[in-house]
Amino acid sequence: MNIQTDKINSLMLPLTGFGNVGGQSVNLVDEAKAAELGEALKQGDVSGYIEKYGTEYAVG
């Protein structure tokens, strides 16, 4: 098998920040961006999402 690593993208669920719920540290999900990512995944093409938001992990 020949895997073309330049064709692979790594994405994380988008976050707005971090918080504390019931004494537990939590990641706060960016609901709007998560919905966009979900729709892109349903369509089978995340290229537009990546073009808009990139692939770097950053809160905000």
N, C-alpha and C. Protein backbone atom coordinates (compact mmCIF):
# COMPACT_ATOMS: atom_id res chain seq x y z
N MET A 1 0.84 -1.17 0.00
CA MET A 1 0.00 0.00 0.00
C MET A 1 0.89 1.24 0.00
N ASN A 2 0.58 2.18 -0.85
CA ASN A 2 1.33 3.43 -0.94
C ASN A 2 0.45 4.58 -0.47
N ILE A 3 0.68 5.06 0.72
CA ILE A 3 -0.12 6.15 1.28
C ILE A 3 0.55 7.48 0.94
N GLN A 4 -0.22 8.37 0.34
CA GLN A 4 0.29 9.70 -0.01
C GLN A 4 0.01 10.65 1.15
N THR A 5 1.00 10.82 2.02
CA THR A 5 0.80 11.64 3.22
C THR A 5 0.49 13.09 2.91
N ASP A 6 0.86 13.58 1.74
CA ASP A 6 0.54 14.96 1.37
C ASP A 6 -0.94 15.12 1.05
N LYS A 7 -1.67 14.04 0.97
CA LYS A 7 -3.12 14.07 0.70
C LYS A 7 -3.94 13.92 1.98
N ILE A 8 -3.27 13.85 3.13
CA ILE A 8 -3.96 13.64 4.41
C ILE A 8 -4.03 14.95 5.19
N ASN A 9 -5.20 15.28 5.71
CA ASN A 9 -5.39 16.45 6.57
C ASN A 9 -5.87 15.97 7.93
N SER A 10 -5.40 16.63 8.96
CA SER A 10 -5.81 16.32 10.32
C SER A 10 -6.60 17.49 10.87
N LEU A 11 -7.80 17.22 11.35
CA LEU A 11 -8.67 18.27 11.88
C LEU A 11 -9.11 17.93 13.29
N MET A 12 -9.39 18.96 14.07
CA MET A 12 -9.96 18.80 15.41
C MET A 12 -11.30 19.50 15.44
N LEU A 13 -12.16 19.07 16.33
CA LEU A 13 -13.41 19.78 16.53
C LEU A 13 -13.05 21.20 16.98
N PRO A 14 -13.63 22.22 16.35
CA PRO A 14 -13.28 23.60 16.71
C PRO A 14 -13.78 23.98 18.11
N LEU A 15 -12.94 24.71 18.82
CA LEU A 15 -13.25 25.12 20.19
C LEU A 15 -13.32 26.63 20.31
N THR A 16 -14.08 27.10 21.30
CA THR A 16 -14.08 28.53 21.62
C THR A 16 -13.20 28.80 22.84
N GLY A 17 -12.86 27.77 23.56
CA GLY A 17 -12.01 27.95 24.74
C GLY A 17 -12.12 26.76 25.67
N PHE A 18 -11.77 27.00 26.91
CA PHE A 18 -11.77 25.95 27.92
C PHE A 18 -12.56 26.44 29.12
N GLY A 19 -13.11 25.52 29.86
CA GLY A 19 -13.92 25.91 31.00
C GLY A 19 -13.87 24.86 32.09
N ASN A 20 -14.76 25.06 33.05
CA ASN A 20 -14.86 24.16 34.19
C ASN A 20 -16.34 23.90 34.44
N VAL A 21 -16.72 22.64 34.42
CA VAL A 21 -18.10 22.25 34.65
C VAL A 21 -18.09 21.19 35.75
N GLY A 22 -18.72 21.49 36.85
CA GLY A 22 -18.79 20.54 37.96
C GLY A 22 -17.43 20.13 38.47
N GLY A 23 -16.48 21.05 38.42
CA GLY A 23 -15.14 20.76 38.90
C GLY A 23 -14.26 20.04 37.89
N GLN A 24 -14.77 19.83 36.68
CA GLN A 24 -14.01 19.14 35.64
C GLN A 24 -13.60 20.12 34.55
N SER A 25 -12.37 20.02 34.10
CA SER A 25 -11.92 20.83 32.97
C SER A 25 -12.58 20.32 31.69
N VAL A 26 -13.09 21.23 30.90
CA VAL A 26 -13.77 20.86 29.66
C VAL A 26 -13.32 21.74 28.51
N ASN A 27 -13.46 21.22 27.29
CA ASN A 27 -13.27 22.00 26.08
C ASN A 27 -14.63 22.54 25.67
N LEU A 28 -14.70 23.81 25.33
CA LEU A 28 -15.95 24.42 24.91
C LEU A 28 -16.01 24.45 23.39
N VAL A 29 -16.97 23.75 22.82
CA VAL A 29 -17.09 23.56 21.38
C VAL A 29 -17.65 24.82 20.71
N ASP A 30 -17.07 25.20 19.60
CA ASP A 30 -17.61 26.27 18.76
C ASP A 30 -18.71 25.64 17.93
N GLU A 31 -19.94 25.81 18.36
CA GLU A 31 -21.09 25.13 17.74
C GLU A 31 -21.26 25.47 16.27
N ALA A 32 -21.06 26.74 15.90
CA ALA A 32 -21.26 27.15 14.50
C ALA A 32 -20.23 26.50 13.59
N LYS A 33 -18.96 26.56 13.98
CA LYS A 33 -17.91 25.94 13.17
C LYS A 33 -18.06 24.42 13.15
N ALA A 34 -18.47 23.84 14.28
CA ALA A 34 -18.67 22.40 14.34
C ALA A 34 -19.77 21.98 13.37
N ALA A 35 -20.82 22.78 13.26
CA ALA A 35 -21.90 22.48 12.32
C ALA A 35 -21.39 22.55 10.88
N GLU A 36 -20.54 23.54 10.59
CA GLU A 36 -19.95 23.64 9.25
C GLU A 36 -19.07 22.43 8.94
N LEU A 37 -18.27 22.03 9.92
CA LEU A 37 -17.41 20.88 9.73
C LEU A 37 -18.26 19.62 9.53
N GLY A 38 -19.30 19.47 10.32
CA GLY A 38 -20.20 18.32 10.18
C GLY A 38 -20.82 18.26 8.79
N GLU A 39 -21.24 19.39 8.29
CA GLU A 39 -21.85 19.43 6.96
C GLU A 39 -20.82 19.07 5.89
N ALA A 40 -19.60 19.58 6.04
CA ALA A 40 -18.54 19.25 5.08
C ALA A 40 -18.25 17.75 5.10
N LEU A 41 -18.24 17.17 6.29
CA LEU A 41 -18.00 15.73 6.40
C LEU A 41 -19.13 14.93 5.77
N LYS A 42 -20.37 15.38 5.96
CA LYS A 42 -21.52 14.70 5.34
C LYS A 42 -21.42 14.73 3.83
N GLN A 43 -20.93 15.86 3.30
CA GLN A 43 -20.80 16.02 1.85
C GLN A 43 -19.58 15.27 1.31
N GLY A 44 -18.69 14.85 2.20
CA GLY A 44 -17.50 14.11 1.77
C GLY A 44 -16.39 14.98 1.22
N ASP A 45 -16.43 16.28 1.55
CA ASP A 45 -15.41 17.20 1.03
C ASP A 45 -15.18 18.32 2.05
N VAL A 46 -14.06 18.26 2.73
CA VAL A 46 -13.74 19.27 3.75
C VAL A 46 -12.82 20.37 3.22
N SER A 47 -12.55 20.36 1.91
CA SER A 47 -11.61 21.34 1.35
C SER A 47 -12.07 22.78 1.57
N GLY A 48 -13.35 23.06 1.45
CA GLY A 48 -13.86 24.41 1.68
C GLY A 48 -13.70 24.83 3.13
N TYR A 49 -13.96 23.90 4.03
CA TYR A 49 -13.79 24.18 5.47
C TYR A 49 -12.32 24.48 5.77
N ILE A 50 -11.43 23.66 5.22
CA ILE A 50 -10.00 23.87 5.44
C ILE A 50 -9.54 25.19 4.83
N GLU A 51 -10.05 25.51 3.66
CA GLU A 51 -9.68 26.78 3.02
C GLU A 51 -10.12 27.96 3.90
N LYS A 52 -11.29 27.85 4.50
CA LYS A 52 -11.84 28.93 5.33
C LYS A 52 -11.15 29.03 6.69
N TYR A 53 -10.89 27.87 7.35
CA TYR A 53 -10.39 27.88 8.73
C TYR A 53 -8.98 27.32 8.90
N GLY A 54 -8.46 26.64 7.90
CA GLY A 54 -7.14 26.04 8.02
C GLY A 54 -7.17 24.74 8.81
N THR A 55 -5.99 24.23 9.10
CA THR A 55 -5.88 22.97 9.83
C THR A 55 -5.15 23.13 11.15
N GLU A 56 -4.67 24.32 11.43
CA GLU A 56 -3.95 24.54 12.68
C GLU A 56 -4.93 24.54 13.86
N TYR A 57 -4.48 23.97 14.97
CA TYR A 57 -5.31 23.98 16.16
C TYR A 57 -5.15 25.32 16.86
N ALA A 58 -6.23 26.03 17.00
CA ALA A 58 -6.21 27.30 17.72
C ALA A 58 -7.60 27.55 18.28
N VAL A 59 -7.66 28.04 19.48
CA VAL A 59 -8.94 28.38 20.11
C VAL A 59 -9.33 29.77 19.66
N GLY A 60 -10.61 29.91 19.28
CA GLY A 60 -11.10 31.23 18.96
C GLY A 60 -11.55 31.40 17.57
